[in-house]
Amino acid sequence: MGDRIRVGIITQEDPFFLGEAITYFLSTIPDDEIEVVVAVVFSGSPFGKKMTFRKKAFETLAVFGFRFFIYYAFHFVLYKSDPKRSVKRIFRESRIPVIENIRSINTEAAIKRIMQYKPDLFVSIGGNQIFKKKMIEAAPRGMLNVHTALLPKYRGLMPTFWVLKNDEQETGVSVFFVDEGIDTGDIVVQKKIAINDRSHTELIRATKLLCMDALIEAILAIKADCVTLIPNPDELSTHFHFPTRQDVKAFYRKGKKFF
């Protein structure tokens, strides 16, 4: 068991999809090859923006409309009423130490605290921090991130929304080494998935689970020193922002569904 790769996970307390994905990841990793030694869990910002709860609620209603707001408000209430949905609890029930209450992961104090667990590799799963060079390079095998699109296309926020709005026939997931750009690092593993008639929620769930399969494959490749990097060139990239109300209206006009 001593030759397992030691992984530190960086994530957030997301009330909607990450709990299911992380549970799947922890139940699927080969215990004789991968050991999760610490989890850093930040407060949630599931739509990619850090703001007060009140402001986030008003923006969600204004951009996505009443039905979307009620649907996710209901699921948020379910999450708050069921402790088993907590990301932190999922890690603790797996006997993985949890670090919380860090304002910035890039400070010397934060890095020192995390590195006490001696991770070989960091993995960001829905991490909502912008990582700086010292943090990226703190673990000897670097840092991986997961993205629910086929990079270099659809860099940025809410790629699942944008592939649906743009009538793509397929999408996928990318596991890549983090650098100081936004979704710009070299890719380790990519996997494709047909969109078919999935709703936004169904596609998020499917790609989150596919991300976990790709992530395990990437970690094992790094452990075995058999990584073949896939380029992620800027000149082929597209970058997308948080949707506007006009984007959402166009999404509905095309017959797309959120759930």
C-alpha atoms as a PDB file:
ATOM      1  CA  MET A   1       0.000   0.000   0.000  1.00  0.00           C
ATOM      2  CA  GLY A   2       3.048   2.236   0.382  1.00  0.00           C
ATOM      3  CA  ASP A   3       3.341   2.917  -3.362  1.00  0.00           C
ATOM      4  CA  ARG A   4      -0.089   4.508  -3.707  1.00  0.00           C
ATOM      5  CA  ILE A   5      -0.220   7.999  -5.174  1.00  0.00           C
ATOM      6  CA  ARG A   6      -1.340  10.470  -2.506  1.00  0.00           C
ATOM      7  CA  VAL A   7      -4.069  12.815  -3.748  1.00  0.00           C
ATOM      8  CA  GLY A   8      -5.349  16.052  -2.236  1.00  0.00           C
ATOM      9  CA  ILE A   9      -8.788  17.151  -3.449  1.00  0.00           C
ATOM     10  CA  ILE A  10      -9.837  20.801  -3.723  1.00  0.00           C
ATOM     11  CA  THR A  11     -13.574  21.357  -4.096  1.00  0.00           C
ATOM     12  CA  GLN A  12     -16.594  23.277  -2.786  1.00  0.00           C
ATOM     13  CA  GLU A  13     -19.755  22.664  -0.753  1.00  0.00           C
ATOM     14  CA  ASP A  14     -21.968  22.468  -3.829  1.00  0.00           C
ATOM     15  CA  PRO A  15     -25.640  21.652  -3.071  1.00  0.00           C
ATOM     16  CA  PHE A  16     -26.553  20.140  -6.434  1.00  0.00           C
ATOM     17  CA  PHE A  17     -24.143  17.824  -8.260  1.00  0.00           C
ATOM     18  CA  LEU A  18     -20.717  17.529  -6.653  1.00  0.00           C
ATOM     19  CA  GLY A  19     -21.794  15.311  -3.762  1.00  0.00           C
ATOM     20  CA  GLU A  20     -22.949  12.598  -6.169  1.00  0.00           C
ATOM     21  CA  ALA A  21     -19.803  12.939  -8.310  1.00  0.00           C
ATOM     22  CA  ILE A  22     -17.406  12.831  -5.356  1.00  0.00           C
ATOM     23  CA  THR A  23     -19.225   9.859  -3.826  1.00  0.00           C
ATOM     24  CA  TYR A  24     -18.833   8.055  -7.153  1.00  0.00           C
ATOM     25  CA  PHE A  25     -15.134   9.001  -7.346  1.00  0.00           C
ATOM     26  CA  LEU A  26     -14.373   7.770  -3.823  1.00  0.00           C
ATOM     27  CA  SER A  27     -16.247   4.503  -4.406  1.00  0.00           C
ATOM     28  CA  THR A  28     -14.527   3.865  -7.751  1.00  0.00           C
ATOM     29  CA  ILE A  29     -10.842   4.650  -7.138  1.00  0.00           C
ATOM     30  CA  PRO A  30      -8.628   1.563  -6.812  1.00  0.00           C
ATOM     31  CA  ASP A  31      -7.646   1.615  -3.133  1.00  0.00           C
ATOM     32  CA  ASP A  32      -4.368  -0.183  -3.816  1.00  0.00           C
ATOM     33  CA  GLU A  33      -3.198   2.591  -6.165  1.00  0.00           C
ATOM     34  CA  ILE A  34      -4.819   5.889  -5.096  1.00  0.00           C
ATOM     35  CA  GLU A  35      -5.110   7.339  -1.583  1.00  0.00           C
ATOM     36  CA  VAL A  36      -7.033  10.562  -0.927  1.00  0.00           C
ATOM     37  CA  VAL A  37      -5.133  12.115   1.962  1.00  0.00           C
ATOM     38  CA  VAL A  38      -6.927  15.463   2.399  1.00  0.00           C
ATOM     39  CA  ALA A  39      -9.880  17.431   1.056  1.00  0.00           C
ATOM     40  CA  VAL A  40     -10.003  21.228   0.985  1.00  0.00           C
ATOM     41  CA  VAL A  41     -13.660  22.297   0.849  1.00  0.00           C
ATOM     42  CA  PHE A  42     -14.656  25.906   0.194  1.00  0.00           C
ATOM     43  CA  SER A  43     -18.107  27.392   0.569  1.00  0.00           C
ATOM     44  CA  GLY A  44     -20.294  26.869  -2.476  1.00  0.00           C
ATOM     45  CA  SER A  45     -20.517  28.977  -5.614  1.00  0.00           C
ATOM     46  CA  PRO A  46     -22.270  26.529  -7.933  1.00  0.00           C
ATOM     47  CA  PHE A  47     -22.824  28.952 -10.817  1.00  0.00           C
ATOM     48  CA  GLY A  48     -19.225  30.092 -10.892  1.00  0.00           C
ATOM     49  CA  LYS A  49     -19.561  33.357  -8.999  1.00  0.00           C
ATOM     50  CA  LYS A  50     -18.758  34.249  -5.416  1.00  0.00           C
ATOM     51  CA  MET A  51     -21.406  36.559  -3.960  1.00  0.00           C
ATOM     52  CA  THR A  52     -23.780  36.758  -1.023  1.00  0.00           C
ATOM     53  CA  PHE A  53     -26.580  34.202  -0.880  1.00  0.00           C
ATOM     54  CA  ARG A  54     -29.210  36.950  -1.305  1.00  0.00           C
ATOM     55  CA  LYS A  55     -27.502  38.436  -4.358  1.00  0.00           C
ATOM     56  CA  LYS A  56     -26.976  34.982  -5.869  1.00  0.00           C
ATOM     57  CA  ALA A  57     -30.674  34.169  -5.439  1.00  0.00           C
ATOM     58  CA  PHE A  58     -31.780  37.425  -7.092  1.00  0.00           C
ATOM     59  CA  GLU A  59     -29.356  36.968 -10.001  1.00  0.00           C
ATOM     60  CA  THR A  60     -30.487  33.365 -10.530  1.00  0.00           C
ATOM     61  CA  LEU A  61     -34.125  34.492 -10.678  1.00  0.00           C
ATOM     62  CA  ALA A  62     -33.350  37.415 -12.985  1.00  0.00           C
ATOM     63  CA  VAL A  63     -31.248  35.409 -15.449  1.00  0.00           C
ATOM     64  CA  PHE A  64     -32.844  31.961 -15.482  1.00  0.00           C
ATOM     65  CA  GLY A  65     -36.473  32.714 -14.649  1.00  0.00           C
ATOM     66  CA  PHE A  66     -39.053  31.583 -12.119  1.00  0.00           C
ATOM     67  CA  ARG A  67     -39.298  27.849 -12.966  1.00  0.00           C
ATOM     68  CA  PHE A  68     -35.519  27.394 -12.827  1.00  0.00           C
ATOM     69  CA  PHE A  69     -35.358  29.330  -9.567  1.00  0.00           C
ATOM     70  CA  ILE A  70     -38.099  27.251  -7.898  1.00  0.00           C
ATOM     71  CA  TYR A  71     -36.592  23.963  -9.097  1.00  0.00           C
ATOM     72  CA  TYR A  72     -33.143  24.697  -7.695  1.00  0.00           C
ATOM     73  CA  ALA A  73     -34.522  26.398  -4.572  1.00  0.00           C
ATOM     74  CA  PHE A  74     -36.404  23.163  -3.821  1.00  0.00           C
ATOM     75  CA  HIS A  75     -33.236  21.099  -4.288  1.00  0.00           C
ATOM     76  CA  PHE A  76     -31.291  23.558  -2.145  1.00  0.00           C
ATOM     77  CA  VAL A  77     -33.833  23.092   0.667  1.00  0.00           C
ATOM     78  CA  LEU A  78     -33.488  19.309   0.312  1.00  0.00           C
ATOM     79  CA  TYR A  79     -29.723  19.672   0.557  1.00  0.00           C
ATOM     80  CA  LYS A  80     -29.925  21.840   3.669  1.00  0.00           C
ATOM     81  CA  SER A  81     -32.354  19.422   5.339  1.00  0.00           C
ATOM     82  CA  ASP A  82     -30.297  16.292   4.594  1.00  0.00           C
ATOM     83  CA  PRO A  83     -26.800  16.272   6.108  1.00  0.00           C
ATOM     84  CA  LYS A  84     -25.866  13.267   3.973  1.00  0.00           C
ATOM     85  CA  ARG A  85     -25.741  15.575   0.942  1.00  0.00           C
ATOM     86  CA  SER A  86     -22.898  17.613   2.444  1.00  0.00           C
ATOM     87  CA  VAL A  87     -19.603  17.324   0.545  1.00  0.00           C
ATOM     88  CA  LYS A  88     -17.663  17.712   3.784  1.00  0.00           C
ATOM     89  CA  ARG A  89     -19.657  14.904   5.375  1.00  0.00           C
ATOM     90  CA  ILE A  90     -18.991  12.609   2.396  1.00  0.00           C
ATOM     91  CA  PHE A  91     -15.252  13.019   2.924  1.00  0.00           C
ATOM     92  CA  ARG A  92     -15.447  12.618   6.684  1.00  0.00           C
ATOM     93  CA  GLU A  93     -17.490   9.445   6.377  1.00  0.00           C
ATOM     94  CA  SER A  94     -14.684   8.120   4.182  1.00  0.00           C
ATOM     95  CA  ARG A  95     -12.203   9.040   6.964  1.00  0.00           C
ATOM     96  CA  ILE A  96     -10.572  11.734   4.829  1.00  0.00           C
ATOM     97  CA  PRO A  97      -9.372  14.836   6.713  1.00  0.00           C
ATOM     98  CA  VAL A  98     -11.232  18.009   5.709  1.00  0.00           C
ATOM     99  CA  ILE A  99      -9.745  21.493   5.676  1.00  0.00           C
ATOM    100  CA  GLU A 100     -12.221  24.380   5.591  1.00  0.00           C
ATOM    101  CA  ASN A 101     -12.352  28.063   6.513  1.00  0.00           C
ATOM    102  CA  ILE A 102      -9.458  29.021   4.219  1.00  0.00           C
ATOM    103  CA  ARG A 103     -10.080  32.398   2.607  1.00  0.00           C
ATOM    104  CA  SER A 104      -7.398  32.017  -0.085  1.00  0.00           C
ATOM    105  CA  ILE A 105      -5.672  28.800  -0.954  1.00  0.00           C
ATOM    106  CA  ASN A 106      -2.655  30.666  -2.313  1.00  0.00           C
ATOM    107  CA  THR A 107      -1.326  32.061   0.972  1.00  0.00           C
ATOM    108  CA  GLU A 108       1.823  30.626   2.508  1.00  0.00           C
ATOM    109  CA  ALA A 109      -0.133  29.601   5.596  1.00  0.00           C
ATOM    110  CA  ALA A 110      -2.778  27.745   3.589  1.00  0.00           C
ATOM    111  CA  ILE A 111      -0.245  25.925   1.434  1.00  0.00           C
ATOM    112  CA  LYS A 112       1.767  24.912   4.494  1.00  0.00           C
ATOM    113  CA  ARG A 113      -1.366  23.618   6.234  1.00  0.00           C
ATOM    114  CA  ILE A 114      -2.419  21.541   3.223  1.00  0.00           C
ATOM    115  CA  MET A 115       1.069  20.189   2.528  1.00  0.00           C
ATOM    116  CA  GLN A 116       1.232  18.711   6.045  1.00  0.00           C
ATOM    117  CA  TYR A 117      -0.698  15.795   4.506  1.00  0.00           C
ATOM    118  CA  LYS A 118       2.059  15.276   1.916  1.00  0.00           C
ATOM    119  CA  PRO A 119      -0.038  14.968  -1.256  1.00  0.00           C
ATOM    120  CA  ASP A 120       1.801  13.890  -4.399  1.00  0.00           C
ATOM    121  CA  LEU A 121      -0.884  15.393  -6.612  1.00  0.00           C
ATOM    122  CA  PHE A 122      -3.679  17.934  -6.250  1.00  0.00           C
ATOM    123  CA  VAL A 123      -7.032  17.480  -7.953  1.00  0.00           C
ATOM    124  CA  SER A 124      -9.549  20.306  -8.318  1.00  0.00           C
ATOM    125  CA  ILE A 125     -13.121  19.018  -8.627  1.00  0.00           C
ATOM    126  CA  GLY A 126     -15.330  22.046  -9.028  1.00  0.00           C
ATOM    127  CA  GLY A 127     -12.767  24.129  -7.179  1.00  0.00           C
ATOM    128  CA  ASN A 128     -13.789  27.795  -7.076  1.00  0.00           C
ATOM    129  CA  GLN A 129     -10.387  29.350  -6.447  1.00  0.00           C
ATOM    130  CA  ILE A 130      -7.956  30.856  -8.959  1.00  0.00           C
ATOM    131  CA  PHE A 131      -4.700  29.022  -8.334  1.00  0.00           C
ATOM    132  CA  LYS A 132      -1.354  30.818  -8.290  1.00  0.00           C
ATOM    133  CA  LYS A 133       2.041  29.414  -9.205  1.00  0.00           C
ATOM    134  CA  LYS A 134       3.144  28.455  -5.655  1.00  0.00           C
ATOM    135  CA  MET A 135      -0.011  26.455  -5.040  1.00  0.00           C
ATOM    136  CA  ILE A 136       0.038  24.836  -8.482  1.00  0.00           C
ATOM    137  CA  GLU A 137       3.591  23.654  -7.933  1.00  0.00           C
ATOM    138  CA  ALA A 138       3.280  22.739  -4.238  1.00  0.00           C
ATOM    139  CA  ALA A 139       2.614  19.044  -4.852  1.00  0.00           C
ATOM    140  CA  PRO A 140       5.447  17.210  -6.660  1.00  0.00           C
ATOM    141  CA  ARG A 141       3.183  15.758  -9.384  1.00  0.00           C
ATOM    142  CA  GLY A 142       1.330  19.021  -9.990  1.00  0.00           C
ATOM    143  CA  MET A 143      -2.395  19.768 -10.056  1.00  0.00           C
ATOM    144  CA  LEU A 144      -5.220  18.428 -12.218  1.00  0.00           C
ATOM    145  CA  ASN A 145      -8.548  20.070 -12.965  1.00  0.00           C
ATOM    146  CA  VAL A 146     -11.691  18.696 -14.599  1.00  0.00           C
ATOM    147  CA  HIS A 147     -13.830  20.557 -17.131  1.00  0.00           C
ATOM    148  CA  THR A 148     -17.139  19.415 -18.615  1.00  0.00           C
ATOM    149  CA  ALA A 149     -16.304  20.240 -22.231  1.00  0.00           C
ATOM    150  CA  LEU A 150     -13.843  19.216 -24.930  1.00  0.00           C
ATOM    151  CA  LEU A 151     -11.087  21.770 -24.458  1.00  0.00           C
ATOM    152  CA  PRO A 152      -9.865  24.009 -25.979  1.00  0.00           C
ATOM    153  CA  LYS A 153     -13.495  24.636 -26.969  1.00  0.00           C
ATOM    154  CA  TYR A 154     -15.904  25.962 -24.346  1.00  0.00           C
ATOM    155  CA  ARG A 155     -13.423  27.310 -21.834  1.00  0.00           C
ATOM    156  CA  GLY A 156     -14.987  29.334 -19.041  1.00  0.00           C
ATOM    157  CA  LEU A 157     -18.300  29.132 -17.202  1.00  0.00           C
ATOM    158  CA  MET A 158     -21.258  26.758 -17.554  1.00  0.00           C
ATOM    159  CA  PRO A 159     -20.035  24.838 -20.636  1.00  0.00           C
ATOM    160  CA  THR A 160     -23.001  22.452 -20.449  1.00  0.00           C
ATOM    161  CA  PHE A 161     -25.418  25.350 -20.971  1.00  0.00           C
ATOM    162  CA  TRP A 162     -23.450  26.635 -23.948  1.00  0.00           C
ATOM    163  CA  VAL A 163     -23.080  23.324 -25.795  1.00  0.00           C
ATOM    164  CA  LEU A 164     -26.842  22.878 -25.569  1.00  0.00           C
ATOM    165  CA  LYS A 165     -27.595  26.433 -26.664  1.00  0.00           C
ATOM    166  CA  ASN A 166     -25.181  26.066 -29.592  1.00  0.00           C
ATOM    167  CA  ASP A 167     -26.830  22.830 -30.799  1.00  0.00           C
ATOM    168  CA  GLU A 168     -23.735  20.665 -30.408  1.00  0.00           C
ATOM    169  CA  GLN A 169     -24.306  16.969 -31.101  1.00  0.00           C
ATOM    170  CA  GLU A 170     -21.637  15.805 -28.682  1.00  0.00           C
ATOM    171  CA  THR A 171     -19.649  17.167 -25.800  1.00  0.00           C
ATOM    172  CA  GLY A 172     -17.263  15.600 -23.337  1.00  0.00           C
ATOM    173  CA  VAL A 173     -14.900  16.102 -20.456  1.00  0.00           C
ATOM    174  CA  SER A 174     -11.273  17.132 -20.142  1.00  0.00           C
ATOM    175  CA  VAL A 175      -8.798  16.444 -17.360  1.00  0.00           C
ATOM    176  CA  PHE A 176      -5.855  18.803 -17.612  1.00  0.00           C
ATOM    177  CA  PHE A 177      -2.848  20.078 -15.721  1.00  0.00           C
ATOM    178  CA  VAL A 178      -3.565  23.412 -14.060  1.00  0.00           C
ATOM    179  CA  ASP A 179      -1.443  26.386 -15.044  1.00  0.00           C
ATOM    180  CA  GLU A 180      -2.005  30.075 -14.326  1.00  0.00           C
ATOM    181  CA  GLY A 181      -4.494  30.492 -17.167  1.00  0.00           C
ATOM    182  CA  ILE A 182      -8.203  29.646 -17.257  1.00  0.00           C
ATOM    183  CA  ASP A 183      -8.680  26.102 -18.633  1.00  0.00           C
ATOM    184  CA  THR A 184      -5.421  26.443 -20.591  1.00  0.00           C
ATOM    185  CA  GLY A 185      -3.179  23.627 -19.309  1.00  0.00           C
ATOM    186  CA  ASP A 186      -2.106  20.530 -21.241  1.00  0.00           C
ATOM    187  CA  ILE A 187      -4.790  17.843 -21.352  1.00  0.00           C
ATOM    188  CA  VAL A 188      -4.168  14.403 -19.854  1.00  0.00           C
ATOM    189  CA  VAL A 189      -7.451  12.630 -20.674  1.00  0.00           C
ATOM    190  CA  GLN A 190     -10.506  13.503 -22.767  1.00  0.00           C
ATOM    191  CA  LYS A 191     -13.724  11.530 -23.150  1.00  0.00           C
ATOM    192  CA  LYS A 192     -16.663  12.233 -25.457  1.00  0.00           C
ATOM    193  CA  ILE A 193     -20.387  11.797 -24.877  1.00  0.00           C
ATOM    194  CA  ALA A 194     -23.377  12.161 -27.194  1.00  0.00           C
ATOM    195  CA  ILE A 195     -25.814  14.845 -26.066  1.00  0.00           C
ATOM    196  CA  ASN A 196     -28.941  13.244 -27.582  1.00  0.00           C
ATOM    197  CA  ASP A 197     -32.070  14.803 -26.060  1.00  0.00           C
ATOM    198  CA  ARG A 198     -30.684  15.299 -22.569  1.00  0.00           C
ATOM    199  CA  SER A 199     -31.798  18.261 -20.495  1.00  0.00           C
ATOM    200  CA  HIS A 200     -29.252  20.600 -18.945  1.00  0.00           C
ATOM    201  CA  THR A 201     -29.538  18.823 -15.584  1.00  0.00           C
ATOM    202  CA  GLU A 202     -29.238  15.375 -17.151  1.00  0.00           C
ATOM    203  CA  LEU A 203     -26.182  16.421 -19.143  1.00  0.00           C
ATOM    204  CA  ILE A 204     -24.490  17.946 -16.088  1.00  0.00           C
ATOM    205  CA  ARG A 205     -25.036  14.739 -14.136  1.00  0.00           C
ATOM    206  CA  ALA A 206     -23.761  12.549 -16.967  1.00  0.00           C
ATOM    207  CA  THR A 207     -20.652  14.643 -17.591  1.00  0.00           C
ATOM    208  CA  LYS A 208     -19.823  14.968 -13.885  1.00  0.00           C
ATOM    209  CA  LEU A 209     -19.723  11.175 -13.565  1.00  0.00           C
ATOM    210  CA  LEU A 210     -17.756  10.862 -16.810  1.00  0.00           C
ATOM    211  CA  CYS A 211     -15.317  13.414 -15.368  1.00  0.00           C
ATOM    212  CA  MET A 212     -14.683  11.122 -12.427  1.00  0.00           C
ATOM    213  CA  ASP A 213     -13.883   8.179 -14.720  1.00  0.00           C
ATOM    214  CA  ALA A 214     -11.524  10.373 -16.750  1.00  0.00           C
ATOM    215  CA  LEU A 215      -9.939  11.731 -13.577  1.00  0.00           C
ATOM    216  CA  ILE A 216      -9.177   8.263 -12.232  1.00  0.00           C
ATOM    217  CA  GLU A 217      -7.654   7.337 -15.593  1.00  0.00           C
ATOM    218  CA  ALA A 218      -5.498  10.483 -15.494  1.00  0.00           C
ATOM    219  CA  ILE A 219      -4.294   9.881 -11.937  1.00  0.00           C
ATOM    220  CA  LEU A 220      -3.322   6.302 -12.747  1.00  0.00           C
ATOM    221  CA  ALA A 221      -1.468   7.451 -15.868  1.00  0.00           C
ATOM    222  CA  ILE A 222       0.479  10.001 -13.791  1.00  0.00           C
ATOM    223  CA  LYS A 223       1.250   7.357 -11.179  1.00  0.00           C
ATOM    224  CA  ALA A 224       2.573   5.031 -13.876  1.00  0.00           C
ATOM    225  CA  ASP A 225       4.533   7.821 -15.619  1.00  0.00           C
ATOM    226  CA  CYS A 226       2.755   7.053 -18.897  1.00  0.00           C
ATOM    227  CA  VAL A 227       1.036  10.354 -19.680  1.00  0.00           C
ATOM    228  CA  THR A 228       0.673  11.406 -23.303  1.00  0.00           C
ATOM    229  CA  LEU A 229      -0.290  15.056 -23.238  1.00  0.00           C
ATOM    230  CA  ILE A 230      -2.967  16.429 -25.577  1.00  0.00           C
ATOM    231  CA  PRO A 231      -2.406  20.034 -26.736  1.00  0.00           C
ATOM    232  CA  ASN A 232      -4.828  22.731 -25.576  1.00  0.00           C
ATOM    233  CA  PRO A 233      -3.986  25.542 -28.027  1.00  0.00           C
ATOM    234  CA  ASP A 234      -5.258  29.057 -27.489  1.00  0.00           C
ATOM    235  CA  GLU A 235      -5.760  29.633 -31.201  1.00  0.00           C
ATOM    236  CA  LEU A 236      -8.447  26.918 -31.304  1.00  0.00           C
ATOM    237  CA  SER A 237     -10.164  27.983 -28.101  1.00  0.00           C
ATOM    238  CA  THR A 238     -13.568  29.462 -27.476  1.00  0.00           C
ATOM    239  CA  HIS A 239     -14.426  31.111 -24.157  1.00  0.00           C
ATOM    240  CA  PHE A 240     -17.863  31.568 -22.610  1.00  0.00           C
ATOM    241  CA  HIS A 241     -19.171  33.786 -19.816  1.00  0.00           C
ATOM    242  CA  PHE A 242     -22.015  33.494 -17.335  1.00  0.00           C
ATOM    243  CA  PRO A 243     -25.273  33.527 -19.377  1.00  0.00           C
ATOM    244  CA  THR A 244     -27.438  36.605 -19.676  1.00  0.00           C
ATOM    245  CA  ARG A 245     -31.244  36.648 -19.661  1.00  0.00           C
ATOM    246  CA  GLN A 246     -31.101  36.983 -23.466  1.00  0.00           C
ATOM    247  CA  ASP A 247     -28.949  33.844 -23.692  1.00  0.00           C
ATOM    248  CA  VAL A 248     -31.487  31.927 -21.604  1.00  0.00           C
ATOM    249  CA  LYS A 249     -34.362  33.100 -23.791  1.00  0.00           C
ATOM    250  CA  ALA A 250     -32.450  31.917 -26.880  1.00  0.00           C
ATOM    251  CA  PHE A 251     -31.858  28.570 -25.118  1.00  0.00           C
ATOM    252  CA  TYR A 252     -35.628  28.137 -24.641  1.00  0.00           C
ATOM    253  CA  ARG A 253     -36.440  29.252 -28.202  1.00  0.00           C
ATOM    254  CA  LYS A 254     -34.318  26.366 -29.457  1.00  0.00           C
ATOM    255  CA  GLY A 255     -36.439  23.918 -27.480  1.00  0.00           C
ATOM    256  CA  LYS A 256     -33.748  23.170 -24.894  1.00  0.00           C
ATOM    257  CA  LYS A 257     -34.667  22.153 -21.366  1.00  0.00           C
ATOM    258  CA  PHE A 258     -33.018  22.822 -18.033  1.00  0.00           C
ATOM    259  CA  PHE A 259     -34.663  19.778 -16.387  1.00  0.00           C
END
